PDB file of all heavy atoms in Angstrom:
ATOM      1  N   GLY A   1     -41.673   8.495 -22.734  1.00  0.00           N
ATOM      2  CA  GLY A   1     -40.887   7.301 -22.800  1.00  0.00           C
ATOM      3  C   GLY A   1     -40.325   6.950 -24.160  1.00  0.00           C
ATOM      4  O   GLY A   1     -39.472   6.081 -24.275  1.00  0.00           O
ATOM      5  N   GLY A   2     -40.783   7.645 -25.209  1.00  0.00           N
ATOM      6  CA  GLY A   2     -40.332   7.331 -26.589  1.00  0.00           C
ATOM      7  C   GLY A   2     -39.333   8.359 -27.060  1.00  0.00           C
ATOM      8  O   GLY A   2     -39.521   9.568 -26.821  1.00  0.00           O
ATOM      9  N   LEU A   3     -38.298   7.906 -27.778  1.00  0.00           N
ATOM     10  CA  LEU A   3     -37.308   8.809 -28.325  1.00  0.00           C
ATOM     11  C   LEU A   3     -37.848   9.413 -29.605  1.00  0.00           C
ATOM     12  O   LEU A   3     -38.221   8.736 -30.561  1.00  0.00           O
ATOM     13  CB  LEU A   3     -36.045   7.977 -28.635  1.00  0.00           C
ATOM     14  CG  LEU A   3     -34.878   8.776 -29.285  1.00  0.00           C
ATOM     15  CD1 LEU A   3     -34.340   9.869 -28.366  1.00  0.00           C
ATOM     16  CD2 LEU A   3     -33.732   7.792 -29.711  1.00  0.00           C
ATOM     17  N   LEU A   4     -37.829  10.796 -29.620  1.00  0.00           N
ATOM     18  CA  LEU A   4     -38.285  11.549 -30.788  1.00  0.00           C
ATOM     19  C   LEU A   4     -37.113  11.909 -31.729  1.00  0.00           C
ATOM     20  O   LEU A   4     -37.233  11.945 -32.891  1.00  0.00           O
ATOM     21  CB  LEU A   4     -39.076  12.781 -30.390  1.00  0.00           C
ATOM     22  CG  LEU A   4     -40.330  12.593 -29.613  1.00  0.00           C
ATOM     23  CD1 LEU A   4     -41.029  13.991 -29.407  1.00  0.00           C
ATOM     24  CD2 LEU A   4     -41.329  11.711 -30.326  1.00  0.00           C
ATOM     25  N   ALA A   5     -36.004  12.330 -31.071  1.00  0.00           N
ATOM     26  CA  ALA A   5     -34.912  12.814 -31.867  1.00  0.00           C
ATOM     27  C   ALA A   5     -33.601  12.627 -31.123  1.00  0.00           C
ATOM     28  O   ALA A   5     -33.597  12.713 -29.834  1.00  0.00           O
ATOM     29  CB  ALA A   5     -35.092  14.333 -32.271  1.00  0.00           C
ATOM     30  N   GLU A   6     -32.502  12.441 -31.830  1.00  0.00           N
ATOM     31  CA  GLU A   6     -31.210  12.264 -31.216  1.00  0.00           C
ATOM     32  C   GLU A   6     -30.168  12.879 -32.158  1.00  0.00           C
ATOM     33  O   GLU A   6     -30.238  12.646 -33.377  1.00  0.00           O
ATOM     34  CB  GLU A   6     -30.886  10.762 -30.979  1.00  0.00           C
ATOM     35  CG  GLU A   6     -29.573  10.454 -30.378  1.00  0.00           C
ATOM     36  CD  GLU A   6     -29.341   8.968 -30.165  1.00  0.00           C
ATOM     37  OE1 GLU A   6     -30.213   8.140 -30.659  1.00  0.00           O
ATOM     38  OE2 GLU A   6     -28.350   8.608 -29.533  1.00  0.00           O
ATOM     39  N   SER A   7     -29.203  13.569 -31.627  1.00  0.00           N
ATOM     40  CA  SER A   7     -28.178  14.207 -32.435  1.00  0.00           C
ATOM     41  C   SER A   7     -27.101  13.252 -32.818  1.00  0.00           C
ATOM     42  O   SER A   7     -26.907  12.200 -32.214  1.00  0.00           O
ATOM     43  CB  SER A   7     -27.577  15.392 -31.694  1.00  0.00           C
ATOM     44  OG  SER A   7     -26.784  14.922 -30.583  1.00  0.00           O
ATOM     45  N   GLU A   8     -26.361  13.615 -33.861  1.00  0.00           N
ATOM     46  CA  GLU A   8     -25.120  12.964 -34.125  1.00  0.00           C
ATOM     47  C   GLU A   8     -24.064  13.428 -33.044  1.00  0.00           C
ATOM     48  O   GLU A   8     -23.986  14.581 -32.772  1.00  0.00           O
ATOM     49  CB  GLU A   8     -24.584  13.303 -35.514  1.00  0.00           C
ATOM     50  CG  GLU A   8     -23.332  12.617 -35.884  1.00  0.00           C
ATOM     51  CD  GLU A   8     -22.826  13.051 -37.285  1.00  0.00           C
ATOM     52  OE1 GLU A   8     -23.577  13.746 -38.005  1.00  0.00           O
ATOM     53  OE2 GLU A   8     -21.662  12.649 -37.627  1.00  0.00           O
ATOM     54  N   ARG A   9     -23.371  12.490 -32.554  1.00  0.00           N
ATOM     55  CA  ARG A   9     -22.448  12.827 -31.435  1.00  0.00           C
ATOM     56  C   ARG A   9     -21.063  13.232 -31.985  1.00  0.00           C
ATOM     57  O   ARG A   9     -20.767  12.979 -33.120  1.00  0.00           O
ATOM     58  CB  ARG A   9     -22.304  11.637 -30.481  1.00  0.00           C
ATOM     59  CG  ARG A   9     -23.613  11.308 -29.766  1.00  0.00           C
ATOM     60  CD  ARG A   9     -23.636   9.932 -29.153  1.00  0.00           C
ATOM     61  NE  ARG A   9     -22.588   9.822 -28.167  1.00  0.00           N
ATOM     62  CZ  ARG A   9     -22.035   8.685 -27.777  1.00  0.00           C
ATOM     63  NH1 ARG A   9     -22.362   7.585 -28.414  1.00  0.00           N
ATOM     64  NH2 ARG A   9     -21.086   8.649 -26.850  1.00  0.00           N
ATOM     65  N   PHE A  10     -20.263  13.855 -31.145  1.00  0.00           N
ATOM     66  CA  PHE A  10     -18.936  14.315 -31.475  1.00  0.00           C
ATOM     67  C   PHE A  10     -18.880  15.297 -32.623  1.00  0.00           C
ATOM     68  O   PHE A  10     -17.981  15.270 -33.500  1.00  0.00           O
ATOM     69  CB  PHE A  10     -17.997  13.080 -31.802  1.00  0.00           C
ATOM     70  CG  PHE A  10     -17.956  12.088 -30.622  1.00  0.00           C
ATOM     71  CD1 PHE A  10     -18.650  10.925 -30.657  1.00  0.00           C
ATOM     72  CD2 PHE A  10     -17.164  12.370 -29.507  1.00  0.00           C
ATOM     73  CE1 PHE A  10     -18.559  10.009 -29.590  1.00  0.00           C
ATOM     74  CE2 PHE A  10     -17.104  11.470 -28.448  1.00  0.00           C
ATOM     75  CZ  PHE A  10     -17.805  10.295 -28.479  1.00  0.00           C
ATOM     76  N   THR A  11     -19.879  16.125 -32.685  1.00  0.00           N
ATOM     77  CA  THR A  11     -19.954  17.213 -33.651  1.00  0.00           C
ATOM     78  C   THR A  11     -20.389  18.465 -32.958  1.00  0.00           C
ATOM     79  O   THR A  11     -20.896  18.450 -31.824  1.00  0.00           O
ATOM     80  CB  THR A  11     -20.908  16.905 -34.811  1.00  0.00           C
ATOM     81  OG1 THR A  11     -22.265  16.768 -34.286  1.00  0.00           O
ATOM     82  CG2 THR A  11     -20.526  15.614 -35.547  1.00  0.00           C
ATOM     83  N   SER A  12     -20.193  19.579 -33.618  1.00  0.00           N
ATOM     84  CA  SER A  12     -20.708  20.839 -33.036  1.00  0.00           C
ATOM     85  C   SER A  12     -21.454  21.591 -34.172  1.00  0.00           C
ATOM     86  O   SER A  12     -21.549  21.161 -35.265  1.00  0.00           O
ATOM     87  CB  SER A  12     -19.558  21.706 -32.539  1.00  0.00           C
ATOM     88  OG  SER A  12     -18.685  22.023 -33.622  1.00  0.00           O
ATOM     89  N   ASP A  13     -22.053  22.719 -33.733  1.00  0.00           N
ATOM     90  CA  ASP A  13     -22.854  23.525 -34.677  1.00  0.00           C
ATOM     91  C   ASP A  13     -24.054  22.758 -35.191  1.00  0.00           C
ATOM     92  O   ASP A  13     -24.489  22.894 -36.297  1.00  0.00           O
ATOM     93  CB  ASP A  13     -21.961  23.996 -35.827  1.00  0.00           C
ATOM     94  CG  ASP A  13     -22.601  25.190 -36.527  1.00  0.00           C
ATOM     95  OD1 ASP A  13     -23.182  26.074 -35.853  1.00  0.00           O
ATOM     96  OD2 ASP A  13     -22.476  25.287 -37.740  1.00  0.00           O
ATOM     97  N   THR A  14     -24.605  21.874 -34.342  1.00  0.00           N
ATOM     98  CA  THR A  14     -25.723  20.992 -34.775  1.00  0.00           C
ATOM     99  C   THR A  14     -27.035  21.520 -34.149  1.00  0.00           C
ATOM    100  O   THR A  14     -27.068  22.127 -33.086  1.00  0.00           O
ATOM    101  CB  THR A  14     -25.490  19.564 -34.353  1.00  0.00           C
ATOM    102  OG1 THR A  14     -25.431  19.501 -32.922  1.00  0.00           O
ATOM    103  CG2 THR A  14     -24.253  18.968 -34.958  1.00  0.00           C
ATOM    104  N   LEU A  15     -28.083  21.168 -34.830  1.00  0.00           N
ATOM    105  CA  LEU A  15     -29.487  21.543 -34.465  1.00  0.00           C
ATOM    106  C   LEU A  15     -30.283  20.279 -34.493  1.00  0.00           C
ATOM    107  O   LEU A  15     -30.456  19.642 -35.521  1.00  0.00           O
ATOM    108  CB  LEU A  15     -29.992  22.574 -35.479  1.00  0.00           C
ATOM    109  CG  LEU A  15     -31.091  23.540 -35.094  1.00  0.00           C
ATOM    110  CD1 LEU A  15     -30.611  24.538 -34.114  1.00  0.00           C
ATOM    111  CD2 LEU A  15     -31.519  24.286 -36.388  1.00  0.00           C
ATOM    112  N   THR A  16     -30.855  19.870 -33.379  1.00  0.00           N
ATOM    113  CA  THR A  16     -31.669  18.689 -33.283  1.00  0.00           C
ATOM    114  C   THR A  16     -33.115  19.134 -32.954  1.00  0.00           C
ATOM    115  O   THR A  16     -33.371  19.652 -31.919  1.00  0.00           O
ATOM    116  CB  THR A  16     -31.170  17.690 -32.223  1.00  0.00           C
ATOM    117  OG1 THR A  16     -29.854  17.377 -32.464  1.00  0.00           O
ATOM    118  CG2 THR A  16     -32.025  16.458 -32.150  1.00  0.00           C
ATOM    119  N   LEU A  17     -33.997  18.893 -33.951  1.00  0.00           N
ATOM    120  CA  LEU A  17     -35.382  19.365 -33.837  1.00  0.00           C
ATOM    121  C   LEU A  17     -36.358  18.230 -33.622  1.00  0.00           C
ATOM    122  O   LEU A  17     -36.231  17.188 -34.178  1.00  0.00           O
ATOM    123  CB  LEU A  17     -35.752  20.125 -35.117  1.00  0.00           C
ATOM    124  CG  LEU A  17     -35.051  21.446 -35.440  1.00  0.00           C
ATOM    125  CD1 LEU A  17     -35.290  21.855 -36.871  1.00  0.00           C
ATOM    126  CD2 LEU A  17     -35.507  22.537 -34.469  1.00  0.00           C
ATOM    127  N   ALA A  18     -37.389  18.520 -32.831  1.00  0.00           N
ATOM    128  CA  ALA A  18     -38.488  17.575 -32.688  1.00  0.00           C
ATOM    129  C   ALA A  18     -39.764  18.349 -32.277  1.00  0.00           C
ATOM    130  O   ALA A  18     -39.717  19.300 -31.506  1.00  0.00           O
ATOM    131  CB  ALA A  18     -38.209  16.540 -31.614  1.00  0.00           C
ATOM    132  N   ASP A  19     -40.878  17.922 -32.806  1.00  0.00           N
ATOM    133  CA  ASP A  19     -42.180  18.471 -32.421  1.00  0.00           C
ATOM    134  C   ASP A  19     -42.732  17.616 -31.347  1.00  0.00           C
ATOM    135  O   ASP A  19     -43.166  16.489 -31.559  1.00  0.00           O
ATOM    136  CB  ASP A  19     -43.127  18.544 -33.626  1.00  0.00           C
ATOM    137  CG  ASP A  19     -42.713  19.623 -34.641  1.00  0.00           C
ATOM    138  OD1 ASP A  19     -42.150  20.632 -34.190  1.00  0.00           O
ATOM    139  OD2 ASP A  19     -42.983  19.453 -35.797  1.00  0.00           O
ATOM    140  N   VAL A  20     -42.799  18.174 -30.152  1.00  0.00           N
ATOM    141  CA  VAL A  20     -43.290  17.474 -28.924  1.00  0.00           C
ATOM    142  C   VAL A  20     -44.827  17.711 -28.830  1.00  0.00           C
ATOM    143  O   VAL A  20     -45.293  18.842 -28.944  1.00  0.00           O
ATOM    144  CB  VAL A  20     -42.561  17.937 -27.699  1.00  0.00           C
ATOM    145  CG1 VAL A  20     -43.260  17.547 -26.450  1.00  0.00           C
ATOM    146  CG2 VAL A  20     -41.104  17.486 -27.701  1.00  0.00           C
ATOM    147  N   ASP A  21     -45.551  16.645 -28.554  1.00  0.00           N
ATOM    148  CA  ASP A  21     -46.994  16.760 -28.447  1.00  0.00           C
ATOM    149  C   ASP A  21     -47.372  17.077 -27.040  1.00  0.00           C
ATOM    150  O   ASP A  21     -47.748  16.243 -26.266  1.00  0.00           O
ATOM    151  CB  ASP A  21     -47.618  15.422 -28.913  1.00  0.00           C
ATOM    152  CG  ASP A  21     -49.138  15.572 -29.171  1.00  0.00           C
ATOM    153  OD1 ASP A  21     -49.683  16.569 -28.719  1.00  0.00           O
ATOM    154  OD2 ASP A  21     -49.653  14.621 -29.775  1.00  0.00           O
ATOM    155  N   ALA A  22     -47.335  18.379 -26.724  1.00  0.00           N
ATOM    156  CA  ALA A  22     -47.667  18.827 -25.335  1.00  0.00           C
ATOM    157  C   ALA A  22     -49.153  18.599 -25.047  1.00  0.00           C
ATOM    158  O   ALA A  22     -49.539  18.249 -23.929  1.00  0.00           O
ATOM    159  CB  ALA A  22     -47.340  20.323 -25.203  1.00  0.00           C
ATOM    160  N   ASP A  23     -49.994  18.684 -26.072  1.00  0.00           N
ATOM    161  CA  ASP A  23     -51.422  18.468 -25.869  1.00  0.00           C
ATOM    162  C   ASP A  23     -51.693  17.056 -25.502  1.00  0.00           C
ATOM    163  O   ASP A  23     -52.500  16.737 -24.632  1.00  0.00           O
ATOM    164  CB  ASP A  23     -52.126  18.815 -27.189  1.00  0.00           C
ATOM    165  CG  ASP A  23     -53.630  18.495 -27.127  1.00  0.00           C
ATOM    166  OD1 ASP A  23     -54.313  19.069 -26.302  1.00  0.00           O
ATOM    167  OD2 ASP A  23     -54.063  17.647 -27.940  1.00  0.00           O
ATOM    168  N   ARG A  24     -50.980  16.104 -26.109  1.00  0.00           N
ATOM    169  CA  ARG A  24     -51.105  14.676 -25.781  1.00  0.00           C
ATOM    170  C   ARG A  24     -50.701  14.389 -24.366  1.00  0.00           C
ATOM    171  O   ARG A  24     -51.298  13.605 -23.644  1.00  0.00           O
ATOM    172  CB  ARG A  24     -50.357  13.788 -26.780  1.00  0.00           C
ATOM    173  CG  ARG A  24     -50.512  12.318 -26.524  1.00  0.00           C
ATOM    174  CD  ARG A  24     -49.841  11.458 -27.548  1.00  0.00           C
ATOM    175  NE  ARG A  24     -48.413  11.377 -27.433  1.00  0.00           N
ATOM    176  CZ  ARG A  24     -47.755  10.226 -27.650  1.00  0.00           C
ATOM    177  NH1 ARG A  24     -48.361   9.127 -28.153  1.00  0.00           N
ATOM    178  NH2 ARG A  24     -46.454  10.155 -27.500  1.00  0.00           N
ATOM    179  N   ILE A  25     -49.640  15.059 -23.910  1.00  0.00           N
ATOM    180  CA  ILE A  25     -49.160  14.936 -22.532  1.00  0.00           C
ATOM    181  C   ILE A  25     -50.228  15.367 -21.539  1.00  0.00           C
ATOM    182  O   ILE A  25     -50.544  14.672 -20.557  1.00  0.00           O
ATOM    183  CB  ILE A  25     -47.836  15.693 -22.314  1.00  0.00           C
ATOM    184  CG1 ILE A  25     -46.718  15.046 -23.141  1.00  0.00           C
ATOM    185  CG2 ILE A  25     -47.514  15.790 -20.841  1.00  0.00           C
ATOM    186  CD1 ILE A  25     -45.481  15.915 -23.250  1.00  0.00           C
ATOM    187  N   VAL A  26     -50.861  16.517 -21.830  1.00  0.00           N
ATOM    188  CA  VAL A  26     -51.930  17.032 -20.973  1.00  0.00           C
ATOM    189  C   VAL A  26     -53.052  15.983 -20.907  1.00  0.00           C
ATOM    190  O   VAL A  26     -53.599  15.682 -19.866  1.00  0.00           O
ATOM    191  CB  VAL A  26     -52.451  18.369 -21.476  1.00  0.00           C
ATOM    192  CG1 VAL A  26     -53.714  18.781 -20.772  1.00  0.00           C
ATOM    193  CG2 VAL A  26     -51.364  19.449 -21.303  1.00  0.00           C
ATOM    194  N   GLN A  27     -53.421  15.458 -22.076  1.00  0.00           N
ATOM    195  CA  GLN A  27     -54.537  14.475 -22.153  1.00  0.00           C
ATOM    196  C   GLN A  27     -54.207  13.241 -21.334  1.00  0.00           C
ATOM    197  O   GLN A  27     -55.002  12.678 -20.657  1.00  0.00           O
ATOM    198  CB  GLN A  27     -54.825  14.131 -23.609  1.00  0.00           C
ATOM    199  CG  GLN A  27     -55.470  15.201 -24.411  1.00  0.00           C
ATOM    200  CD  GLN A  27     -56.909  15.524 -23.958  1.00  0.00           C
ATOM    201  OE1 GLN A  27     -57.618  14.613 -23.565  1.00  0.00           O
ATOM    202  NE2 GLN A  27     -57.306  16.748 -23.993  1.00  0.00           N
TER     203      GLN A  27
END
């Protein structure tokens, strides 16, 4: 439910990175 990352819009050649806590989801 929480936003980790969002790109700048109306651009290209962009890279939006976020570290997702898969372990927390399992827990």
